[in-house]
C-alpha atoms as a PDB file:
ATOM      1  CA  MET A   1     -13.723  -1.247 -19.290  1.00  0.00           C
ATOM      2  CA  ASN A   2     -13.883  -3.668 -22.205  1.00  0.00           C
ATOM      3  CA  GLU A   3     -13.563  -7.437 -21.888  1.00  0.00           C
ATOM      4  CA  THR A   4      -9.919  -7.545 -22.944  1.00  0.00           C
ATOM      5  CA  ARG A   5      -9.014  -4.884 -20.430  1.00  0.00           C
ATOM      6  CA  ARG A   6     -11.018  -6.622 -17.685  1.00  0.00           C
ATOM      7  CA  ARG A   7      -9.198  -9.890 -18.267  1.00  0.00           C
ATOM      8  CA  ARG A   8      -5.839  -8.156 -18.107  1.00  0.00           C
ATOM      9  CA  VAL A   9      -6.725  -6.483 -14.820  1.00  0.00           C
ATOM     10  CA  VAL A  10      -7.837  -9.800 -13.306  1.00  0.00           C
ATOM     11  CA  LYS A  11      -4.672 -11.483 -14.558  1.00  0.00           C
ATOM     12  CA  GLU A  12      -2.446  -8.808 -13.033  1.00  0.00           C
ATOM     13  CA  ILE A  13      -4.251  -8.994  -9.690  1.00  0.00           C
ATOM     14  CA  VAL A  14      -4.179 -12.793  -9.454  1.00  0.00           C
ATOM     15  CA  THR A  15      -0.562 -12.977 -10.602  1.00  0.00           C
ATOM     16  CA  GLY A  16       0.385 -10.254  -8.144  1.00  0.00           C
ATOM     17  CA  TYR A  17      -1.312 -12.029  -5.260  1.00  0.00           C
ATOM     18  CA  VAL A  18       0.443 -15.312  -5.970  1.00  0.00           C
ATOM     19  CA  ALA A  19       3.867 -13.790  -6.660  1.00  0.00           C
ATOM     20  CA  VAL A  20       3.974 -11.400  -3.709  1.00  0.00           C
ATOM     21  CA  SER A  21       2.565 -13.974  -1.283  1.00  0.00           C
ATOM     22  CA  ALA A  22       5.019 -16.643  -2.388  1.00  0.00           C
ATOM     23  CA  ALA A  23       8.011 -14.299  -2.203  1.00  0.00           C
ATOM     24  CA  LEU A  24       7.191 -13.028   1.288  1.00  0.00           C
ATOM     25  CA  ILE A  25       6.384 -16.502   2.587  1.00  0.00           C
ATOM     26  CA  ALA A  26       9.763 -17.699   1.324  1.00  0.00           C
ATOM     27  CA  VAL A  27      11.535 -14.781   3.026  1.00  0.00           C
ATOM     28  CA  GLY A  28       9.584 -15.242   6.240  1.00  0.00           C
ATOM     29  CA  MET A  29      10.266 -18.967   6.394  1.00  0.00           C
ATOM     30  CA  PHE A  30      13.963 -18.389   5.731  1.00  0.00           C
ATOM     31  CA  LEU A  31      14.211 -15.832   8.537  1.00  0.00           C
ATOM     32  CA  THR A  32      12.235 -17.782  11.125  1.00  0.00           C
ATOM     33  CA  ARG A  33      13.155 -21.380  10.245  1.00  0.00           C
ATOM     34  CA  VAL A  34      16.614 -21.304   8.655  1.00  0.00           C
ATOM     35  CA  ILE A  35      18.535 -18.436  10.272  1.00  0.00           C
ATOM     36  CA  GLU A  36      16.471 -17.862  13.413  1.00  0.00           C
ATOM     37  CA  HIS A  37      19.594 -18.135  15.620  1.00  0.00           C
ATOM     38  CA  SER A  38      21.803 -15.934  13.448  1.00  0.00           C
ATOM     39  CA  ALA A  39      23.344 -12.569  14.345  1.00  0.00           C
ATOM     40  CA  LEU A  40      20.814 -10.844  12.104  1.00  0.00           C
ATOM     41  CA  MET A  41      17.861 -12.250  14.013  1.00  0.00           C
ATOM     42  CA  ALA A  42      19.548 -11.499  17.337  1.00  0.00           C
ATOM     43  CA  TRP A  43      19.870  -7.864  16.250  1.00  0.00           C
ATOM     44  CA  ASP A  44      16.247  -7.904  15.107  1.00  0.00           C
ATOM     45  CA  THR A  45      15.154  -8.914  18.598  1.00  0.00           C
ATOM     46  CA  ARG A  46      17.560  -6.587  20.400  1.00  0.00           C
ATOM     47  CA  VAL A  47      16.298  -3.453  18.640  1.00  0.00           C
ATOM     48  CA  VAL A  48      12.750  -3.853  19.929  1.00  0.00           C
ATOM     49  CA  ARG A  49      13.965  -4.752  23.403  1.00  0.00           C
ATOM     50  CA  ASP A  50      16.140  -1.630  23.551  1.00  0.00           C
ATOM     51  CA  LEU A  51      13.237   0.544  22.406  1.00  0.00           C
ATOM     52  CA  SER A  52      10.977  -0.897  25.096  1.00  0.00           C
ATOM     53  CA  MET A  53      13.549  -0.138  27.803  1.00  0.00           C
ATOM     54  CA  HIS A  54      13.768   3.540  26.930  1.00  0.00           C
ATOM     55  CA  ARG A  55      10.122   4.501  26.595  1.00  0.00           C
ATOM     56  CA  THR A  56       8.924   7.912  27.718  1.00  0.00           C
ATOM     57  CA  ALA A  57       5.402   9.222  28.284  1.00  0.00           C
ATOM     58  CA  GLU A  58       5.712  11.701  25.424  1.00  0.00           C
ATOM     59  CA  SER A  59       7.061   9.124  22.965  1.00  0.00           C
ATOM     60  CA  ILE A  60       4.366   6.653  23.971  1.00  0.00           C
ATOM     61  CA  ASP A  61       1.761   9.293  23.202  1.00  0.00           C
ATOM     62  CA  TRP A  62       3.248  10.026  19.778  1.00  0.00           C
ATOM     63  CA  SER A  63       3.590   6.323  18.968  1.00  0.00           C
ATOM     64  CA  SER A  64      -0.099   5.876  19.764  1.00  0.00           C
ATOM     65  CA  ARG A  65      -1.058   8.631  17.334  1.00  0.00           C
ATOM     66  CA  TRP A  66       1.077   7.349  14.484  1.00  0.00           C
ATOM     67  CA  SER A  67       0.025   3.755  15.064  1.00  0.00           C
ATOM     68  CA  PHE A  68      -3.639   4.782  15.018  1.00  0.00           C
ATOM     69  CA  LEU A  69      -3.089   6.391  11.604  1.00  0.00           C
ATOM     70  CA  ALA A  70      -2.634   2.888  10.147  1.00  0.00           C
ATOM     71  CA  ASP A  71      -5.409   1.141  12.095  1.00  0.00           C
ATOM     72  CA  ALA A  72      -8.230  -0.342  10.038  1.00  0.00           C
ATOM     73  CA  PRO A  73     -10.833   2.429  10.634  1.00  0.00           C
ATOM     74  CA  PRO A  74      -8.631   5.338   9.447  1.00  0.00           C
ATOM     75  CA  ILE A  75      -7.297   3.349   6.493  1.00  0.00           C
ATOM     76  CA  VAL A  76     -10.804   2.397   5.398  1.00  0.00           C
ATOM     77  CA  ALA A  77     -12.106   5.937   5.973  1.00  0.00           C
ATOM     78  CA  VAL A  78      -9.358   7.623   3.941  1.00  0.00           C
ATOM     79  CA  GLY A  79      -9.575   4.987   1.209  1.00  0.00           C
ATOM     80  CA  ALA A  80     -13.364   5.357   0.998  1.00  0.00           C
ATOM     81  CA  ALA A  81     -13.078   9.155   0.887  1.00  0.00           C
ATOM     82  CA  ALA A  82     -10.502   9.006  -1.917  1.00  0.00           C
ATOM     83  CA  ALA A  83     -12.622   6.513  -3.878  1.00  0.00           C
ATOM     84  CA  LEU A  84     -15.715   8.681  -3.374  1.00  0.00           C
ATOM     85  CA  ILE A  85     -13.907  11.750  -4.712  1.00  0.00           C
ATOM     86  CA  CYS A  86     -12.896   9.768  -7.796  1.00  0.00           C
ATOM     87  CA  ALA A  87     -16.458   8.503  -8.246  1.00  0.00           C
ATOM     88  CA  LEU A  88     -17.916  12.013  -7.951  1.00  0.00           C
ATOM     89  CA  ARG A  89     -15.516  13.088 -10.683  1.00  0.00           C
ATOM     90  CA  ARG A  90     -16.744  10.102 -12.711  1.00  0.00           C
ATOM     91  CA  ARG A  91     -13.327   8.481 -12.626  1.00  0.00           C
ATOM     92  CA  TRP A  92     -14.734   5.042 -11.919  1.00  0.00           C
ATOM     93  CA  LEU A  93     -11.568   3.131 -12.735  1.00  0.00           C
ATOM     94  CA  LEU A  94      -9.562   5.159 -10.242  1.00  0.00           C
ATOM     95  CA  ALA A  95     -12.121   4.459  -7.522  1.00  0.00           C
ATOM     96  CA  LEU A  96     -11.941   0.746  -8.337  1.00  0.00           C
ATOM     97  CA  TRP A  97      -8.148   0.938  -8.257  1.00  0.00           C
ATOM     98  CA  ILE A  98      -8.162   2.128  -4.629  1.00  0.00           C
ATOM     99  CA  ALA A  99     -10.636  -0.527  -3.497  1.00  0.00           C
ATOM    100  CA  VAL A 100      -8.833  -3.374  -5.253  1.00  0.00           C
ATOM    101  CA  VAL A 101      -5.316  -2.611  -3.968  1.00  0.00           C
ATOM    102  CA  LEU A 102      -6.509  -2.280  -0.373  1.00  0.00           C
ATOM    103  CA  ALA A 103      -8.329  -5.616  -0.626  1.00  0.00           C
ATOM    104  CA  LEU A 104      -5.307  -7.214  -2.311  1.00  0.00           C
ATOM    105  CA  GLU A 105      -2.956  -5.953   0.404  1.00  0.00           C
ATOM    106  CA  LEU A 106      -5.192  -7.434   3.085  1.00  0.00           C
ATOM    107  CA  ALA A 107      -5.406 -10.781   1.285  1.00  0.00           C
ATOM    108  CA  VAL A 108      -1.638 -11.067   0.857  1.00  0.00           C
ATOM    109  CA  PHE A 109      -0.981  -9.904   4.410  1.00  0.00           C
ATOM    110  CA  LEU A 110      -3.309 -12.493   5.959  1.00  0.00           C
ATOM    111  CA  THR A 111      -1.922 -15.271   3.753  1.00  0.00           C
ATOM    112  CA  VAL A 112       1.688 -14.508   4.641  1.00  0.00           C
ATOM    113  CA  SER A 113       1.075 -13.731   8.313  1.00  0.00           C
ATOM    114  CA  TYR A 114      -0.777 -16.943   9.117  1.00  0.00           C
ATOM    115  CA  THR A 115       1.557 -19.073   6.988  1.00  0.00           C
ATOM    116  CA  VAL A 116       4.807 -17.771   8.496  1.00  0.00           C
ATOM    117  CA  GLY A 117       3.336 -17.464  11.985  1.00  0.00           C
ATOM    118  CA  ARG A 118       6.122 -15.427  13.572  1.00  0.00           C
ATOM    119  CA  THR A 119       5.495 -14.541  17.222  1.00  0.00           C
ATOM    120  CA  ARG A 120       5.374 -10.947  18.411  1.00  0.00           C
ATOM    121  CA  PRO A 121       8.428  -9.455  20.161  1.00  0.00           C
ATOM    122  CA  GLU A 122       8.795 -10.650  23.750  1.00  0.00           C
ATOM    123  CA  VAL A 123       8.413  -7.215  25.331  1.00  0.00           C
ATOM    124  CA  ALA A 124       5.577  -5.349  27.004  1.00  0.00           C
ATOM    125  CA  HIS A 125       3.056  -4.470  24.305  1.00  0.00           C
ATOM    126  CA  LEU A 126       1.387  -1.071  24.264  1.00  0.00           C
ATOM    127  CA  GLY A 127      -2.206  -1.550  23.170  1.00  0.00           C
ATOM    128  CA  SER A 128      -4.173  -4.564  22.025  1.00  0.00           C
ATOM    129  CA  VAL A 129      -2.252  -7.269  20.190  1.00  0.00           C
ATOM    130  CA  PRO A 130      -3.748  -8.444  16.858  1.00  0.00           C
ATOM    131  CA  SER A 131      -4.340 -12.156  16.344  1.00  0.00           C
ATOM    132  CA  THR A 132      -2.132 -12.158  13.265  1.00  0.00           C
ATOM    133  CA  GLY A 133       1.577 -12.904  13.319  1.00  0.00           C
ATOM    134  CA  SER A 134       4.393 -10.417  13.594  1.00  0.00           C
ATOM    135  CA  PHE A 135       5.678 -10.934  10.018  1.00  0.00           C
ATOM    136  CA  PRO A 136       5.003  -8.816   7.989  1.00  0.00           C
ATOM    137  CA  SER A 137       3.722  -5.541   9.453  1.00  0.00           C
ATOM    138  CA  GLY A 138       0.212  -5.025   8.108  1.00  0.00           C
ATOM    139  CA  HIS A 139       0.109  -1.448   9.391  1.00  0.00           C
ATOM    140  CA  ILE A 140       3.108  -0.342   7.356  1.00  0.00           C
ATOM    141  CA  ALA A 141       1.885  -2.255   4.300  1.00  0.00           C
ATOM    142  CA  ALA A 142      -1.571  -0.664   4.433  1.00  0.00           C
ATOM    143  CA  THR A 143      -0.051   2.795   4.906  1.00  0.00           C
ATOM    144  CA  ILE A 144       2.154   2.483   1.832  1.00  0.00           C
ATOM    145  CA  VAL A 145      -0.600   0.950  -0.299  1.00  0.00           C
ATOM    146  CA  LEU A 146      -3.151   3.627   0.583  1.00  0.00           C
ATOM    147  CA  TYR A 147      -1.029   6.744   0.415  1.00  0.00           C
ATOM    148  CA  GLY A 148       1.267   5.396  -2.305  1.00  0.00           C
ATOM    149  CA  THR A 149      -1.743   4.698  -4.507  1.00  0.00           C
ATOM    150  CA  ILE A 150      -3.167   8.148  -3.787  1.00  0.00           C
ATOM    151  CA  ALA A 151       0.215   9.616  -4.782  1.00  0.00           C
ATOM    152  CA  LEU A 152       0.066   7.659  -8.044  1.00  0.00           C
ATOM    153  CA  LEU A 153      -3.441   8.987  -8.702  1.00  0.00           C
ATOM    154  CA  VAL A 154      -2.281  12.551  -8.029  1.00  0.00           C
ATOM    155  CA  HIS A 155       0.567  11.929 -10.459  1.00  0.00           C
ATOM    156  CA  LEU A 156      -1.924  10.833 -13.122  1.00  0.00           C
ATOM    157  CA  ILE A 157      -4.549  13.500 -12.518  1.00  0.00           C
ATOM    158  CA  THR A 158      -2.477  16.656 -12.203  1.00  0.00           C
ATOM    159  CA  PRO A 159       0.805  17.955 -13.663  1.00  0.00           C
ATOM    160  CA  ASN A 160       1.276  20.158 -10.571  1.00  0.00           C
ATOM    161  CA  ARG A 161       4.706  19.294  -9.191  1.00  0.00           C
ATOM    162  CA  LEU A 162       3.922  20.655  -5.744  1.00  0.00           C
ATOM    163  CA  ALA A 163       0.868  18.409  -5.371  1.00  0.00           C
ATOM    164  CA  ARG A 164       2.829  15.419  -6.591  1.00  0.00           C
ATOM    165  CA  GLY A 165       5.724  16.160  -4.272  1.00  0.00           C
ATOM    166  CA  VAL A 166       3.494  16.627  -1.225  1.00  0.00           C
ATOM    167  CA  ALA A 167       1.712  13.326  -1.939  1.00  0.00           C
ATOM    168  CA  TRP A 168       4.962  11.362  -2.135  1.00  0.00           C
ATOM    169  CA  ILE A 169       6.568  13.110   0.834  1.00  0.00           C
ATOM    170  CA  TRP A 170       3.533  12.329   2.977  1.00  0.00           C
ATOM    171  CA  THR A 171       3.644   8.687   1.871  1.00  0.00           C
ATOM    172  CA  VAL A 172       7.286   8.327   2.908  1.00  0.00           C
ATOM    173  CA  LEU A 173       6.809  10.254   6.170  1.00  0.00           C
ATOM    174  CA  ALA A 174       3.701   8.313   7.184  1.00  0.00           C
ATOM    175  CA  ALA A 175       5.352   4.984   6.396  1.00  0.00           C
ATOM    176  CA  ALA A 176       8.490   5.848   8.387  1.00  0.00           C
ATOM    177  CA  MET A 177       6.572   7.081  11.430  1.00  0.00           C
ATOM    178  CA  VAL A 178       4.109   4.176  11.437  1.00  0.00           C
ATOM    179  CA  GLY A 179       7.015   1.747  11.204  1.00  0.00           C
ATOM    180  CA  TRP A 180       8.744   3.398  14.153  1.00  0.00           C
ATOM    181  CA  ALA A 181       5.510   3.456  16.164  1.00  0.00           C
ATOM    182  CA  ARG A 182       4.799  -0.242  15.651  1.00  0.00           C
ATOM    183  CA  MET A 183       8.298  -1.209  16.813  1.00  0.00           C
ATOM    184  CA  TYR A 184       8.189   1.232  19.722  1.00  0.00           C
ATOM    185  CA  ARG A 185       4.901  -0.258  20.902  1.00  0.00           C
ATOM    186  CA  GLY A 186       6.411  -3.751  20.817  1.00  0.00           C
ATOM    187  CA  MET A 187       4.248  -5.056  17.980  1.00  0.00           C
ATOM    188  CA  HIS A 188       6.927  -5.768  15.370  1.00  0.00           C
ATOM    189  CA  HIS A 189      10.604  -6.448  14.827  1.00  0.00           C
ATOM    190  CA  PRO A 190      12.539  -4.265  12.352  1.00  0.00           C
ATOM    191  CA  LEU A 191      12.543  -7.010   9.709  1.00  0.00           C
ATOM    192  CA  ASP A 192       8.754  -7.274  10.033  1.00  0.00           C
ATOM    193  CA  VAL A 193       8.520  -3.569   9.232  1.00  0.00           C
ATOM    194  CA  VAL A 194      10.864  -3.943   6.252  1.00  0.00           C
ATOM    195  CA  ALA A 195       8.775  -6.849   4.967  1.00  0.00           C
ATOM    196  CA  GLY A 196       5.611  -4.772   5.408  1.00  0.00           C
ATOM    197  CA  ALA A 197       7.175  -1.936   3.419  1.00  0.00           C
ATOM    198  CA  LEU A 198       8.127  -4.340   0.636  1.00  0.00           C
ATOM    199  CA  LEU A 199       4.598  -5.749   0.656  1.00  0.00           C
ATOM    200  CA  GLY A 200       3.096  -2.278   0.371  1.00  0.00           C
ATOM    201  CA  ALA A 201       5.451  -1.237  -2.429  1.00  0.00           C
ATOM    202  CA  ALA A 202       4.807  -4.477  -4.326  1.00  0.00           C
ATOM    203  CA  ILE A 203       1.034  -3.993  -4.164  1.00  0.00           C
ATOM    204  CA  CYS A 204       1.444  -0.430  -5.445  1.00  0.00           C
ATOM    205  CA  VAL A 205       3.342  -1.832  -8.424  1.00  0.00           C
ATOM    206  CA  VAL A 206       0.646  -4.443  -9.033  1.00  0.00           C
ATOM    207  CA  GLY A 207      -2.010  -1.730  -8.900  1.00  0.00           C
ATOM    208  CA  TRP A 208      -0.091   0.412 -11.376  1.00  0.00           C
ATOM    209  CA  ARG A 209       0.332  -2.493 -13.774  1.00  0.00           C
ATOM    210  CA  ALA A 210      -3.368  -3.316 -13.555  1.00  0.00           C
ATOM    211  CA  PHE A 211      -4.899   0.170 -13.633  1.00  0.00           C
ATOM    212  CA  GLY A 212      -2.333   2.892 -14.129  1.00  0.00           C
ATOM    213  CA  ARG A 213      -0.779   2.223 -17.522  1.00  0.00           C
ATOM    214  CA  PRO A 214      -1.135   4.997 -20.115  1.00  0.00           C
ATOM    215  CA  GLY A 215      -4.481   4.931 -21.865  1.00  0.00           C
ATOM    216  CA  THR A 216      -6.301   3.367 -18.928  1.00  0.00           C
ATOM    217  CA  ALA A 217      -6.637   5.497 -15.821  1.00  0.00           C
ATOM    218  CA  GLN A 218      -6.470   8.760 -17.738  1.00  0.00           C
ATOM    219  CA  GLN A 219      -9.472   8.023 -19.888  1.00  0.00           C
ATOM    220  CA  PRO A 220     -12.069  10.811 -19.517  1.00  0.00           C
ATOM    221  CA  ALA A 221     -15.532   9.772 -18.405  1.00  0.00           C
ATOM    222  CA  GLY A 222     -19.085  10.630 -19.412  1.00  0.00           C
ATOM    223  CA  ARG A 223     -19.539  13.822 -21.414  1.00  0.00           C
ATOM    224  CA  ASN A 224     -15.831  14.545 -21.269  1.00  0.00           C
ATOM    225  CA  ALA A 225     -15.185  11.266 -23.061  1.00  0.00           C
ATOM    226  CA  ASP A 226     -17.664  12.210 -25.802  1.00  0.00           C
ATOM    227  CA  ARG A 227     -16.059  15.604 -26.222  1.00  0.00           C
ATOM    228  CA  GLN A 228     -12.617  14.050 -26.400  1.00  0.00           C
ATOM    229  CA  ARG A 229     -13.727  11.527 -29.017  1.00  0.00           C
ATOM    230  CA  ASN A 230     -15.374  14.265 -31.069  1.00  0.00           C
ATOM    231  CA  ALA A 231     -12.231  16.381 -30.868  1.00  0.00           C
ATOM    232  CA  ASN A 232     -10.119  13.432 -31.970  1.00  0.00           C
ATOM    233  CA  ARG A 233     -12.418  12.795 -34.952  1.00  0.00           C
ATOM    234  CA  PHE A 234     -12.303  16.488 -35.908  1.00  0.00           C
ATOM    235  CA  ASN A 235      -8.516  16.619 -35.696  1.00  0.00           C
ATOM    236  CA  SER A 236      -8.235  13.425 -37.733  1.00  0.00           C
ATOM    237  CA  HIS A 237     -10.601  14.743 -40.418  1.00  0.00           C
ATOM    238  CA  GLU A 238      -8.785  18.071 -40.565  1.00  0.00           C
ATOM    239  CA  SER A 239      -5.447  16.322 -40.906  1.00  0.00           C
ATOM    240  CA  LYS A 240      -6.709  14.267 -43.861  1.00  0.00           C
ATOM    241  CA  GLU A 241      -7.971  17.396 -45.637  1.00  0.00           C
ATOM    242  CA  GLN A 242      -4.603  19.072 -45.268  1.00  0.00           C
ATOM    243  CA  ARG A 243      -2.948  16.151 -46.992  1.00  0.00           C
END
């Protein structure tokens, strides 16, 4: 990565952090300070309360599994495995992409959560309650960032439509089920989950702008890069001779 490219990546990341944090803080403050007694917020509270009143042993078990999928250890493990695969293929920029977006998501989440400071739903919580606030849902944000970024990498690496489709379908399915699980377990309101989804999607966009533009993430590495450059020189020379 040359100096110009490095500066652009840093600019995109810093700008993304500031913009996404500011936007979500504004939304969170509006919901919890301005319209906290509105019909919308009453519905937001009622949904979680209704879910808690109709829990079953089987649904509790499933919610535990889906919630665990977005806990820190699995997210870190899957992210590290994906980055390692990229590194072994000498796709260093793709490995960096994964690490940066996960760190960026965490930074934005902590900034927004502690600034807005929304309390958790007033229902019985299933499992340990994080010290962070309810808004936004960090679990749903991390899920979308991790699997959404992997889907973007699959899109860049392979033209196989089946692989691309599976990656995106899994991203949507995982996000939906994690969101349901976090509400079912009394950890978040519906609007917290929506905000988490928006956070995750926004970080995916920031990551794409920083790393995924044409001519960046698709650059071959090592010997492949040399072969590609040699082929380009040969094709250029041959084209000149034909003229």
